[in-house]
Amino acid sequence: MCEGGELLNRILSSYRGGRYAEENAKLIIVQILSVVAFFHLQGVVHRDLKPEIINFLFSSRNEYANMKLIDFDLSDFIRPDERLNDIVGNAYYVAPEVLHRSYSLRSIL
């Protein structure tokens, strides 16, 4: 249903020369931070955000298409004052606090 493909593929696509214009990058970062903030307000942490392996998909092939966050298999509910201790996520993107088995909303997306 998301015909636009993965975020990483779009970043690396040849028609952009492998680079995003600053304005396009800003639109993507705003979408990512907005969805993360929304879920954190609901007490949900994704714990496995990354640009590839199907976490962010574009709804269409349009250059300004909205992104959709998917793949919540490692997500969890957390209270603002709670600390988690599970080591989860992708080794290339995991926060050091996760590896130390003591992290909160501030350490993870």
PDB file of N, CA and C in Angstrom:
ATOM      1  N   MET A   1       0.807  -1.198   0.000  1.00  0.00           N
ATOM      2  CA  MET A   1       0.000   0.000   0.000  1.00  0.00           C
ATOM      3  C   MET A   1       0.852   1.265   0.000  1.00  0.00           C
ATOM      4  N   CYS A   2       2.089   1.155   0.409  1.00  0.00           N
ATOM      5  CA  CYS A   2       2.991   2.313   0.387  1.00  0.00           C
ATOM      6  C   CYS A   2       3.889   2.167  -0.829  1.00  0.00           C
ATOM      7  N   GLU A   3       3.479   2.753  -1.920  1.00  0.00           N
ATOM      8  CA  GLU A   3       4.160   2.575  -3.201  1.00  0.00           C
ATOM      9  C   GLU A   3       5.474   3.336  -3.324  1.00  0.00           C
ATOM     10  N   GLY A   4       5.755   4.221  -2.379  1.00  0.00           N
ATOM     11  CA  GLY A   4       6.947   5.053  -2.490  1.00  0.00           C
ATOM     12  C   GLY A   4       8.242   4.404  -2.055  1.00  0.00           C
ATOM     13  N   GLY A   5       8.176   3.238  -1.407  1.00  0.00           N
ATOM     14  CA  GLY A   5       9.376   2.524  -1.006  1.00  0.00           C
ATOM     15  C   GLY A   5       9.969   3.014   0.307  1.00  0.00           C
ATOM     16  N   GLU A   6      11.128   2.462   0.620  1.00  0.00           N
ATOM     17  CA  GLU A   6      11.807   2.736   1.884  1.00  0.00           C
ATOM     18  C   GLU A   6      12.557   4.063   1.866  1.00  0.00           C
ATOM     19  N   LEU A   7      12.715   4.633   3.034  1.00  0.00           N
ATOM     20  CA  LEU A   7      13.442   5.891   3.191  1.00  0.00           C
ATOM     21  C   LEU A   7      14.868   5.774   2.665  1.00  0.00           C
ATOM     22  N   LEU A   8      15.587   4.739   3.043  1.00  0.00           N
ATOM     23  CA  LEU A   8      16.984   4.609   2.613  1.00  0.00           C
ATOM     24  C   LEU A   8      17.092   4.531   1.095  1.00  0.00           C
ATOM     25  N   ASN A   9      16.200   3.793   0.458  1.00  0.00           N
ATOM     26  CA  ASN A   9      16.238   3.697  -1.004  1.00  0.00           C
ATOM     27  C   ASN A   9      16.048   5.058  -1.654  1.00  0.00           C
ATOM     28  N   ARG A  10      15.183   5.856  -1.062  1.00  0.00           N
ATOM     29  CA  ARG A  10      14.961   7.184  -1.616  1.00  0.00           C
ATOM     30  C   ARG A  10      16.186   8.073  -1.407  1.00  0.00           C
ATOM     31  N   ILE A  11      16.813   7.953  -0.270  1.00  0.00           N
ATOM     32  CA  ILE A  11      18.015   8.748  -0.004  1.00  0.00           C
ATOM     33  C   ILE A  11      19.122   8.390  -0.989  1.00  0.00           C
ATOM     34  N   LEU A  12      19.261   7.105  -1.257  1.00  0.00           N
ATOM     35  CA  LEU A  12      20.350   6.635  -2.110  1.00  0.00           C
ATOM     36  C   LEU A  12      19.997   6.578  -3.594  1.00  0.00           C
ATOM     37  N   SER A  13      18.787   6.962  -3.947  1.00  0.00           N
ATOM     38  CA  SER A  13      18.342   6.827  -5.336  1.00  0.00           C
ATOM     39  C   SER A  13      19.230   7.638  -6.285  1.00  0.00           C
ATOM     40  N   SER A  14      19.391   7.085  -7.462  1.00  0.00           N
ATOM     41  CA  SER A  14      20.301   7.703  -8.433  1.00  0.00           C
ATOM     42  C   SER A  14      19.765   9.022  -8.969  1.00  0.00           C
ATOM     43  N   TYR A  15      18.453   9.204  -9.012  1.00  0.00           N
ATOM     44  CA  TYR A  15      17.939  10.453  -9.564  1.00  0.00           C
ATOM     45  C   TYR A  15      18.222  11.639  -8.653  1.00  0.00           C
ATOM     46  N   ARG A  16      18.633  11.403  -7.436  1.00  0.00           N
ATOM     47  CA  ARG A  16      19.037  12.486  -6.536  1.00  0.00           C
ATOM     48  C   ARG A  16      20.553  12.501  -6.356  1.00  0.00           C
ATOM     49  N   GLY A  17      21.235  11.600  -6.985  1.00  0.00           N
ATOM     50  CA  GLY A  17      22.680  11.558  -6.837  1.00  0.00           C
ATOM     51  C   GLY A  17      23.117  11.085  -5.470  1.00  0.00           C
ATOM     52  N   GLY A  18      22.233  10.411  -4.731  1.00  0.00           N
ATOM     53  CA  GLY A  18      22.582   9.903  -3.417  1.00  0.00           C
ATOM     54  C   GLY A  18      22.540  10.951  -2.323  1.00  0.00           C
ATOM     55  N   ARG A  19      22.084  12.174  -2.648  1.00  0.00           N
ATOM     56  CA  ARG A  19      22.023  13.248  -1.659  1.00  0.00           C
ATOM     57  C   ARG A  19      20.639  13.881  -1.674  1.00  0.00           C
ATOM     58  N   TYR A  20      20.233  14.306  -0.523  1.00  0.00           N
ATOM     59  CA  TYR A  20      18.978  15.029  -0.398  1.00  0.00           C
ATOM     60  C   TYR A  20      19.274  16.519  -0.313  1.00  0.00           C
ATOM     61  N   ALA A  21      18.414  17.291  -0.937  1.00  0.00           N
ATOM     62  CA  ALA A  21      18.510  18.737  -0.759  1.00  0.00           C
ATOM     63  C   ALA A  21      18.161  19.039   0.695  1.00  0.00           C
ATOM     64  N   GLU A  22      18.715  20.106   1.238  1.00  0.00           N
ATOM     65  CA  GLU A  22      18.483  20.436   2.638  1.00  0.00           C
ATOM     66  C   GLU A  22      16.991  20.570   2.945  1.00  0.00           C
ATOM     67  N   GLU A  23      16.230  21.188   2.067  1.00  0.00           N
ATOM     68  CA  GLU A  23      14.795  21.376   2.299  1.00  0.00           C
ATOM     69  C   GLU A  23      14.063  20.029   2.343  1.00  0.00           C
ATOM     70  N   ASN A  24      14.429  19.102   1.477  1.00  0.00           N
ATOM     71  CA  ASN A  24      13.804  17.770   1.498  1.00  0.00           C
ATOM     72  C   ASN A  24      14.190  17.003   2.760  1.00  0.00           C
ATOM     73  N   ALA A  25      15.441  17.120   3.162  1.00  0.00           N
ATOM     74  CA  ALA A  25      15.883  16.459   4.394  1.00  0.00           C
ATOM     75  C   ALA A  25      15.127  17.024   5.594  1.00  0.00           C
ATOM     76  N   LYS A  26      14.909  18.319   5.598  1.00  0.00           N
ATOM     77  CA  LYS A  26      14.155  18.952   6.685  1.00  0.00           C
ATOM     78  C   LYS A  26      12.750  18.383   6.774  1.00  0.00           C
ATOM     79  N   LEU A  27      12.074  18.211   5.642  1.00  0.00           N
ATOM     80  CA  LEU A  27      10.723  17.646   5.636  1.00  0.00           C
ATOM     81  C   LEU A  27      10.700  16.232   6.217  1.00  0.00           C
ATOM     82  N   ILE A  28      11.707  15.453   5.894  1.00  0.00           N
ATOM     83  CA  ILE A  28      11.783  14.080   6.403  1.00  0.00           C
ATOM     84  C   ILE A  28      12.043  14.079   7.899  1.00  0.00           C
ATOM     85  N   ILE A  29      12.988  14.875   8.355  1.00  0.00           N
ATOM     86  CA  ILE A  29      13.308  14.917   9.785  1.00  0.00           C
ATOM     87  C   ILE A  29      12.108  15.398  10.588  1.00  0.00           C
ATOM     88  N   VAL A  30      11.390  16.390  10.091  1.00  0.00           N
ATOM     89  CA  VAL A  30      10.197  16.878  10.797  1.00  0.00           C
ATOM     90  C   VAL A  30       9.158  15.766  10.916  1.00  0.00           C
ATOM     91  N   GLN A  31       8.957  14.998   9.852  1.00  0.00           N
ATOM     92  CA  GLN A  31       8.007  13.880   9.918  1.00  0.00           C
ATOM     93  C   GLN A  31       8.449  12.830  10.939  1.00  0.00           C
ATOM     94  N   ILE A  32       9.720  12.486  10.928  1.00  0.00           N
ATOM     95  CA  ILE A  32      10.239  11.473  11.860  1.00  0.00           C
ATOM     96  C   ILE A  32      10.078  11.955  13.298  1.00  0.00           C
ATOM     97  N   LEU A  33      10.503  13.171  13.579  1.00  0.00           N
ATOM     98  CA  LEU A  33      10.414  13.684  14.947  1.00  0.00           C
ATOM     99  C   LEU A  33       8.970  13.849  15.392  1.00  0.00           C
ATOM    100  N   SER A  34       8.087  14.225  14.494  1.00  0.00           N
ATOM    101  CA  SER A  34       6.675  14.377  14.840  1.00  0.00           C
ATOM    102  C   SER A  34       6.045  13.048  15.221  1.00  0.00           C
ATOM    103  N   VAL A  35       6.326  12.008  14.461  1.00  0.00           N
ATOM    104  CA  VAL A  35       5.727  10.712  14.772  1.00  0.00           C
ATOM    105  C   VAL A  35       6.323  10.128  16.049  1.00  0.00           C
ATOM    106  N   VAL A  36       7.608  10.311  16.263  1.00  0.00           N
ATOM    107  CA  VAL A  36       8.240   9.827  17.496  1.00  0.00           C
ATOM    108  C   VAL A  36       7.665  10.570  18.704  1.00  0.00           C
ATOM    109  N   ALA A  37       7.512  11.881  18.595  1.00  0.00           N
ATOM    110  CA  ALA A  37       6.941  12.662  19.700  1.00  0.00           C
ATOM    111  C   ALA A  37       5.513  12.220  19.995  1.00  0.00           C
ATOM    112  N   PHE A  38       4.734  11.973  18.951  1.00  0.00           N
ATOM    113  CA  PHE A  38       3.355  11.526  19.153  1.00  0.00           C
ATOM    114  C   PHE A  38       3.317  10.202  19.918  1.00  0.00           C
ATOM    115  N   PHE A  39       4.116   9.238  19.490  1.00  0.00           N
ATOM    116  CA  PHE A  39       4.120   7.940  20.165  1.00  0.00           C
ATOM    117  C   PHE A  39       4.642   8.047  21.597  1.00  0.00           C
ATOM    118  N   HIS A  40       5.649   8.867  21.819  1.00  0.00           N
ATOM    119  CA  HIS A  40       6.163   9.046  23.180  1.00  0.00           C
ATOM    120  C   HIS A  40       5.093   9.647  24.083  1.00  0.00           C
ATOM    121  N   LEU A  41       4.309  10.571  23.563  1.00  0.00           N
ATOM    122  CA  LEU A  41       3.213  11.137  24.356  1.00  0.00           C
ATOM    123  C   LEU A  41       2.172  10.076  24.713  1.00  0.00           C
ATOM    124  N   GLN A  42       2.052   9.052  23.878  1.00  0.00           N
ATOM    125  CA  GLN A  42       1.131   7.952  24.141  1.00  0.00           C
ATOM    126  C   GLN A  42       1.763   6.881  25.030  1.00  0.00           C
ATOM    127  N   GLY A  43       3.040   7.049  25.366  1.00  0.00           N
ATOM    128  CA  GLY A  43       3.747   6.077  26.197  1.00  0.00           C
ATOM    129  C   GLY A  43       4.275   4.893  25.417  1.00  0.00           C
ATOM    130  N   VAL A  44       4.489   5.061  24.119  1.00  0.00           N
ATOM    131  CA  VAL A  44       4.988   3.978  23.264  1.00  0.00           C
ATOM    132  C   VAL A  44       6.379   4.336  22.751  1.00  0.00           C
ATOM    133  N   VAL A  45       7.304   3.389  22.861  1.00  0.00           N
ATOM    134  CA  VAL A  45       8.635   3.548  22.270  1.00  0.00           C
ATOM    135  C   VAL A  45       8.813   2.478  21.200  1.00  0.00           C
ATOM    136  N   HIS A  46       9.333   2.873  20.067  1.00  0.00           N
ATOM    137  CA  HIS A  46       9.508   1.951  18.934  1.00  0.00           C
ATOM    138  C   HIS A  46      10.708   1.034  19.158  1.00  0.00           C
ATOM    139  N   ARG A  47      11.819   1.571  19.554  1.00  0.00           N
ATOM    140  CA  ARG A  47      13.072   0.891  19.902  1.00  0.00           C
ATOM    141  C   ARG A  47      13.802   0.235  18.738  1.00  0.00           C
ATOM    142  N   ASP A  48      13.417   0.528  17.506  1.00  0.00           N
ATOM    143  CA  ASP A  48      14.128  -0.070  16.374  1.00  0.00           C
ATOM    144  C   ASP A  48      14.061   0.833  15.144  1.00  0.00           C
ATOM    145  N   LEU A  49      14.147   2.136  15.334  1.00  0.00           N
ATOM    146  CA  LEU A  49      14.065   3.044  14.197  1.00  0.00           C
ATOM    147  C   LEU A  49      15.374   3.081  13.435  1.00  0.00           C
ATOM    148  N   LYS A  50      15.253   3.017  12.122  1.00  0.00           N
ATOM    149  CA  LYS A  50      16.390   3.103  11.223  1.00  0.00           C
ATOM    150  C   LYS A  50      15.866   3.400   9.826  1.00  0.00           C
ATOM    151  N   PRO A  51      16.699   3.921   8.941  1.00  0.00           N
ATOM    152  CA  PRO A  51      16.189   4.301   7.619  1.00  0.00           C
ATOM    153  C   PRO A  51      15.917   3.120   6.701  1.00  0.00           C
ATOM    154  N   GLU A  52      16.530   1.989   6.942  1.00  0.00           N
ATOM    155  CA  GLU A  52      16.305   0.847   6.047  1.00  0.00           C
ATOM    156  C   GLU A  52      15.571  -0.279   6.775  1.00  0.00           C
ATOM    157  N   ILE A  53      15.457  -1.394   6.123  1.00  0.00           N
ATOM    158  CA  ILE A  53      14.773  -2.582   6.626  1.00  0.00           C
ATOM    159  C   ILE A  53      13.333  -2.234   7.020  1.00  0.00           C
ATOM    160  N   ILE A  54      12.716  -1.501   6.158  1.00  0.00           N
ATOM    161  CA  ILE A  54      11.285  -1.216   6.231  1.00  0.00           C
ATOM    162  C   ILE A  54      10.820  -0.682   7.581  1.00  0.00           C
ATOM    163  N   ASN A  55      11.331   0.432   8.020  1.00  0.00           N
ATOM    164  CA  ASN A  55      10.765   1.135   9.169  1.00  0.00           C
ATOM    165  C   ASN A  55       9.979   2.357   8.706  1.00  0.00           C
ATOM    166  N   PHE A  56      10.508   3.067   7.725  1.00  0.00           N
ATOM    167  CA  PHE A  56       9.810   4.222   7.170  1.00  0.00           C
ATOM    168  C   PHE A  56       9.542   3.970   5.696  1.00  0.00           C
ATOM    169  N   LEU A  57       8.267   4.010   5.337  1.00  0.00           N
ATOM    170  CA  LEU A  57       7.862   3.845   3.947  1.00  0.00           C
ATOM    171  C   LEU A  57       7.169   5.117   3.484  1.00  0.00           C
ATOM    172  N   PHE A  58       7.346   5.451   2.212  1.00  0.00           N
ATOM    173  CA  PHE A  58       6.644   6.581   1.632  1.00  0.00           C
ATOM    174  C   PHE A  58       5.312   6.114   1.078  1.00  0.00           C
ATOM    175  N   SER A  59       4.277   6.915   1.297  1.00  0.00           N
ATOM    176  CA  SER A  59       2.933   6.529   0.879  1.00  0.00           C
ATOM    177  C   SER A  59       2.784   6.480  -0.636  1.00  0.00           C
ATOM    178  N   SER A  60       3.591   7.261  -1.357  1.00  0.00           N
ATOM    179  CA  SER A  60       3.537   7.250  -2.817  1.00  0.00           C
ATOM    180  C   SER A  60       4.915   7.586  -3.365  1.00  0.00           C
ATOM    181  N   ARG A  61       5.036   7.574  -4.679  1.00  0.00           N
ATOM    182  CA  ARG A  61       6.313   7.900  -5.323  1.00  0.00           C
ATOM    183  C   ARG A  61       6.527   9.404  -5.442  1.00  0.00           C
ATOM    184  N   ASN A  62       5.546  10.181  -5.087  1.00  0.00           N
ATOM    185  CA  ASN A  62       5.643  11.628  -5.124  1.00  0.00           C
ATOM    186  C   ASN A  62       6.821  12.078  -4.266  1.00  0.00           C
ATOM    187  N   GLU A  63       7.563  13.051  -4.746  1.00  0.00           N
ATOM    188  CA  GLU A  63       8.748  13.529  -4.026  1.00  0.00           C
ATOM    189  C   GLU A  63       8.413  14.059  -2.631  1.00  0.00           C
ATOM    190  N   TYR A  64       7.209  14.554  -2.447  1.00  0.00           N
ATOM    191  CA  TYR A  64       6.803  15.130  -1.164  1.00  0.00           C
ATOM    192  C   TYR A  64       5.788  14.245  -0.434  1.00  0.00           C
ATOM    193  N   ALA A  65       5.808  12.963  -0.712  1.00  0.00           N
ATOM    194  CA  ALA A  65       4.864  12.035  -0.082  1.00  0.00           C
ATOM    195  C   ALA A  65       5.118  11.930   1.417  1.00  0.00           C
ATOM    196  N   ASN A  66       4.066  11.672   2.156  1.00  0.00           N
ATOM    197  CA  ASN A  66       4.193  11.431   3.591  1.00  0.00           C
ATOM    198  C   ASN A  66       4.809  10.067   3.838  1.00  0.00           C
ATOM    199  N   MET A  67       5.491   9.958   4.966  1.00  0.00           N
ATOM    200  CA  MET A  67       6.070   8.673   5.364  1.00  0.00           C
ATOM    201  C   MET A  67       5.170   8.005   6.386  1.00  0.00           C
ATOM    202  N   LYS A  68       5.258   6.699   6.414  1.00  0.00           N
ATOM    203  CA  LYS A  68       4.535   5.896   7.394  1.00  0.00           C
ATOM    204  C   LYS A  68       5.553   5.110   8.207  1.00  0.00           C
ATOM    205  N   LEU A  69       5.387   5.120   9.532  1.00  0.00           N
ATOM    206  CA  LEU A  69       6.241   4.326  10.417  1.00  0.00           C
ATOM    207  C   LEU A  69       5.574   2.980  10.628  1.00  0.00           C
ATOM    208  N   ILE A  70       6.334   1.906  10.445  1.00  0.00           N
ATOM    209  CA  ILE A  70       5.775   0.564  10.609  1.00  0.00           C
ATOM    210  C   ILE A  70       6.739  -0.284  11.436  1.00  0.00           C
ATOM    211  N   ASP A  71       6.428  -1.554  11.577  1.00  0.00           N
ATOM    212  CA  ASP A  71       7.291  -2.543  12.225  1.00  0.00           C
ATOM    213  C   ASP A  71       7.468  -2.259  13.719  1.00  0.00           C
ATOM    214  N   PHE A  72       6.412  -2.489  14.467  1.00  0.00           N
ATOM    215  CA  PHE A  72       6.413  -2.218  15.899  1.00  0.00           C
ATOM    216  C   PHE A  72       6.680  -3.470  16.738  1.00  0.00           C
ATOM    217  N   ASP A  73       7.363  -4.450  16.176  1.00  0.00           N
ATOM    218  CA  ASP A  73       7.565  -5.715  16.907  1.00  0.00           C
ATOM    219  C   ASP A  73       8.446  -5.565  18.149  1.00  0.00           C
ATOM    220  N   LEU A  74       9.326  -4.576  18.213  1.00  0.00           N
ATOM    221  CA  LEU A  74      10.162  -4.367  19.396  1.00  0.00           C
ATOM    222  C   LEU A  74       9.656  -3.224  20.272  1.00  0.00           C
ATOM    223  N   SER A  75       8.525  -2.655  19.907  1.00  0.00           N
ATOM    224  CA  SER A  75       8.005  -1.520  20.670  1.00  0.00           C
ATOM    225  C   SER A  75       7.516  -1.960  22.042  1.00  0.00           C
ATOM    226  N   ASP A  76       7.370  -0.973  22.917  1.00  0.00           N
ATOM    227  CA  ASP A  76       6.933  -1.252  24.280  1.00  0.00           C
ATOM    228  C   ASP A  76       6.241  -0.013  24.823  1.00  0.00           C
ATOM    229  N   PHE A  77       5.486  -0.210  25.878  1.00  0.00           N
ATOM    230  CA  PHE A  77       4.879   0.902  26.597  1.00  0.00           C
ATOM    231  C   PHE A  77       5.824   1.304  27.725  1.00  0.00           C
ATOM    232  N   ILE A  78       5.912   2.610  27.975  1.00  0.00           N
ATOM    233  CA  ILE A  78       6.808   3.099  29.011  1.00  0.00           C
ATOM    234  C   ILE A  78       6.198   4.356  29.652  1.00  0.00           C
ATOM    235  N   ARG A  79       6.329   4.456  30.947  1.00  0.00           N
ATOM    236  CA  ARG A  79       5.922   5.670  31.667  1.00  0.00           C
ATOM    237  C   ARG A  79       7.089   6.666  31.625  1.00  0.00           C
ATOM    238  N   PRO A  80       6.796   7.958  31.719  1.00  0.00           N
ATOM    239  CA  PRO A  80       7.874   8.967  31.629  1.00  0.00           C
ATOM    240  C   PRO A  80       9.004   8.762  32.622  1.00  0.00           C
ATOM    241  N   ASP A  81       8.727   8.251  33.824  1.00  0.00           N
ATOM    242  CA  ASP A  81       9.763   8.073  34.837  1.00  0.00           C
ATOM    243  C   ASP A  81      10.349   6.660  34.862  1.00  0.00           C
ATOM    244  N   GLU A  82       9.911   5.813  33.956  1.00  0.00           N
ATOM    245  CA  GLU A  82      10.337   4.411  33.949  1.00  0.00           C
ATOM    246  C   GLU A  82      11.655   4.242  33.200  1.00  0.00           C
ATOM    247  N   ARG A  83      12.386   3.202  33.585  1.00  0.00           N
ATOM    248  CA  ARG A  83      13.620   2.825  32.891  1.00  0.00           C
ATOM    249  C   ARG A  83      13.442   1.409  32.357  1.00  0.00           C
ATOM    250  N   LEU A  84      13.951   1.179  31.156  1.00  0.00           N
ATOM    251  CA  LEU A  84      13.903  -0.150  30.548  1.00  0.00           C
ATOM    252  C   LEU A  84      15.286  -0.772  30.600  1.00  0.00           C
ATOM    253  N   ASN A  85      15.337  -2.109  30.495  1.00  0.00           N
ATOM    254  CA  ASN A  85      16.636  -2.776  30.555  1.00  0.00           C
ATOM    255  C   ASN A  85      16.834  -3.834  29.485  1.00  0.00           C
ATOM    256  N   ASP A  86      15.888  -3.982  28.554  1.00  0.00           N
ATOM    257  CA  ASP A  86      16.046  -4.954  27.472  1.00  0.00           C
ATOM    258  C   ASP A  86      17.023  -4.430  26.427  1.00  0.00           C
ATOM    259  N   ILE A  87      17.904  -5.286  25.968  1.00  0.00           N
ATOM    260  CA  ILE A  87      18.788  -4.914  24.863  1.00  0.00           C
ATOM    261  C   ILE A  87      18.072  -5.298  23.579  1.00  0.00           C
ATOM    262  N   VAL A  88      17.552  -4.292  22.891  1.00  0.00           N
ATOM    263  CA  VAL A  88      16.821  -4.509  21.644  1.00  0.00           C
ATOM    264  C   VAL A  88      17.261  -3.472  20.627  1.00  0.00           C
ATOM    265  N   GLY A  89      17.006  -3.755  19.366  1.00  0.00           N
ATOM    266  CA  GLY A  89      17.323  -2.823  18.294  1.00  0.00           C
ATOM    267  C   GLY A  89      18.432  -3.356  17.406  1.00  0.00           C
ATOM    268  N   ASN A  90      18.756  -2.571  16.411  1.00  0.00           N
ATOM    269  CA  ASN A  90      19.780  -2.912  15.442  1.00  0.00           C
ATOM    270  C   ASN A  90      21.137  -2.443  15.958  1.00  0.00           C
ATOM    271  N   ALA A  91      22.127  -3.294  15.876  1.00  0.00           N
ATOM    272  CA  ALA A  91      23.453  -2.993  16.424  1.00  0.00           C
ATOM    273  C   ALA A  91      24.063  -1.714  15.844  1.00  0.00           C
ATOM    274  N   TYR A  92      23.723  -1.366  14.610  1.00  0.00           N
ATOM    275  CA  TYR A  92      24.288  -0.171  13.993  1.00  0.00           C
ATOM    276  C   TYR A  92      23.641   1.114  14.495  1.00  0.00           C
ATOM    277  N   TYR A  93      22.476   1.014  15.125  1.00  0.00           N
ATOM    278  CA  TYR A  93      21.733   2.213  15.511  1.00  0.00           C
ATOM    279  C   TYR A  93      21.402   2.290  16.999  1.00  0.00           C
ATOM    280  N   VAL A  94      21.750   1.297  17.769  1.00  0.00           N
ATOM    281  CA  VAL A  94      21.343   1.249  19.169  1.00  0.00           C
ATOM    282  C   VAL A  94      22.110   2.283  20.001  1.00  0.00           C
ATOM    283  N   ALA A  95      21.397   2.900  20.954  1.00  0.00           N
ATOM    284  CA  ALA A  95      22.021   3.886  21.844  1.00  0.00           C
ATOM    285  C   ALA A  95      22.905   3.168  22.865  1.00  0.00           C
ATOM    286  N   PRO A  96      24.006   3.778  23.279  1.00  0.00           N
ATOM    287  CA  PRO A  96      24.882   3.155  24.289  1.00  0.00           C
ATOM    288  C   PRO A  96      24.141   2.829  25.588  1.00  0.00           C
ATOM    289  N   GLU A  97      23.156   3.647  25.960  1.00  0.00           N
ATOM    290  CA  GLU A  97      22.398   3.396  27.184  1.00  0.00           C
ATOM    291  C   GLU A  97      21.654   2.066  27.124  1.00  0.00           C
ATOM    292  N   VAL A  98      21.211   1.694  25.936  1.00  0.00           N
ATOM    293  CA  VAL A  98      20.515   0.406  25.773  1.00  0.00           C
ATOM    294  C   VAL A  98      21.482  -0.741  26.075  1.00  0.00           C
ATOM    295  N   LEU A  99      22.701  -0.623  25.608  1.00  0.00           N
ATOM    296  CA  LEU A  99      23.702  -1.662  25.855  1.00  0.00           C
ATOM    297  C   LEU A  99      24.078  -1.746  27.333  1.00  0.00           C
ATOM    298  N   HIS A 100      23.916  -0.643  28.044  1.00  0.00           N
ATOM    299  CA  HIS A 100      24.187  -0.633  29.482  1.00  0.00           C
ATOM    300  C   HIS A 100      22.968  -1.062  30.301  1.00  0.00           C
ATOM    301  N   ARG A 101      21.904  -1.423  29.613  1.00  0.00           N
ATOM    302  CA  ARG A 101      20.667  -1.953  30.221  1.00  0.00           C
ATOM    303  C   ARG A 101      19.995  -0.988  31.197  1.00  0.00           C
ATOM    304  N   SER A 102      20.040   0.275  30.893  1.00  0.00           N
ATOM    305  CA  SER A 102      19.334   1.247  31.711  1.00  0.00           C
ATOM    306  C   SER A 102      19.041   2.470  30.854  1.00  0.00           C
ATOM    307  N   TYR A 103      17.819   2.531  30.321  1.00  0.00           N
ATOM    308  CA  TYR A 103      17.490   3.632  29.436  1.00  0.00           C
ATOM    309  C   TYR A 103      16.043   4.068  29.617  1.00  0.00           C
ATOM    310  N   SER A 104      15.785   5.312  29.186  1.00  0.00           N
ATOM    311  CA  SER A 104      14.462   5.901  29.321  1.00  0.00           C
ATOM    312  C   SER A 104      14.063   6.483  27.959  1.00  0.00           C
ATOM    313  N   LEU A 105      12.971   7.226  27.943  1.00  0.00           N
ATOM    314  CA  LEU A 105      12.515   7.863  26.704  1.00  0.00           C
ATOM    315  C   LEU A 105      13.578   8.777  26.101  1.00  0.00           C
ATOM    316  N   ARG A 106      14.403   9.376  26.909  1.00  0.00           N
ATOM    317  CA  ARG A 106      15.415  10.299  26.408  1.00  0.00           C
ATOM    318  C   ARG A 106      16.495   9.597  25.597  1.00  0.00           C
ATOM    319  N   SER A 107      16.700   8.312  25.819  1.00  0.00           N
ATOM    320  CA  SER A 107      17.784   7.590  25.155  1.00  0.00           C
ATOM    321  C   SER A 107      17.361   6.934  23.853  1.00  0.00           C
ATOM    322  N   ILE A 108      16.085   6.727  23.704  1.00  0.00           N
ATOM    323  CA  ILE A 108      15.640   5.932  22.569  1.00  0.00           C
ATOM    324  C   ILE A 108      14.570   6.624  21.768  1.00  0.00           C
ATOM    325  N   LEU A 109      14.481   6.215  20.534  1.00  0.00           N
ATOM    326  CA  LEU A 109      13.401   6.676  19.667  1.00  0.00           C
ATOM    327  C   LEU A 109      12.467   5.541  19.578  1.00  0.00           C
TER     328      LEU A 109
END
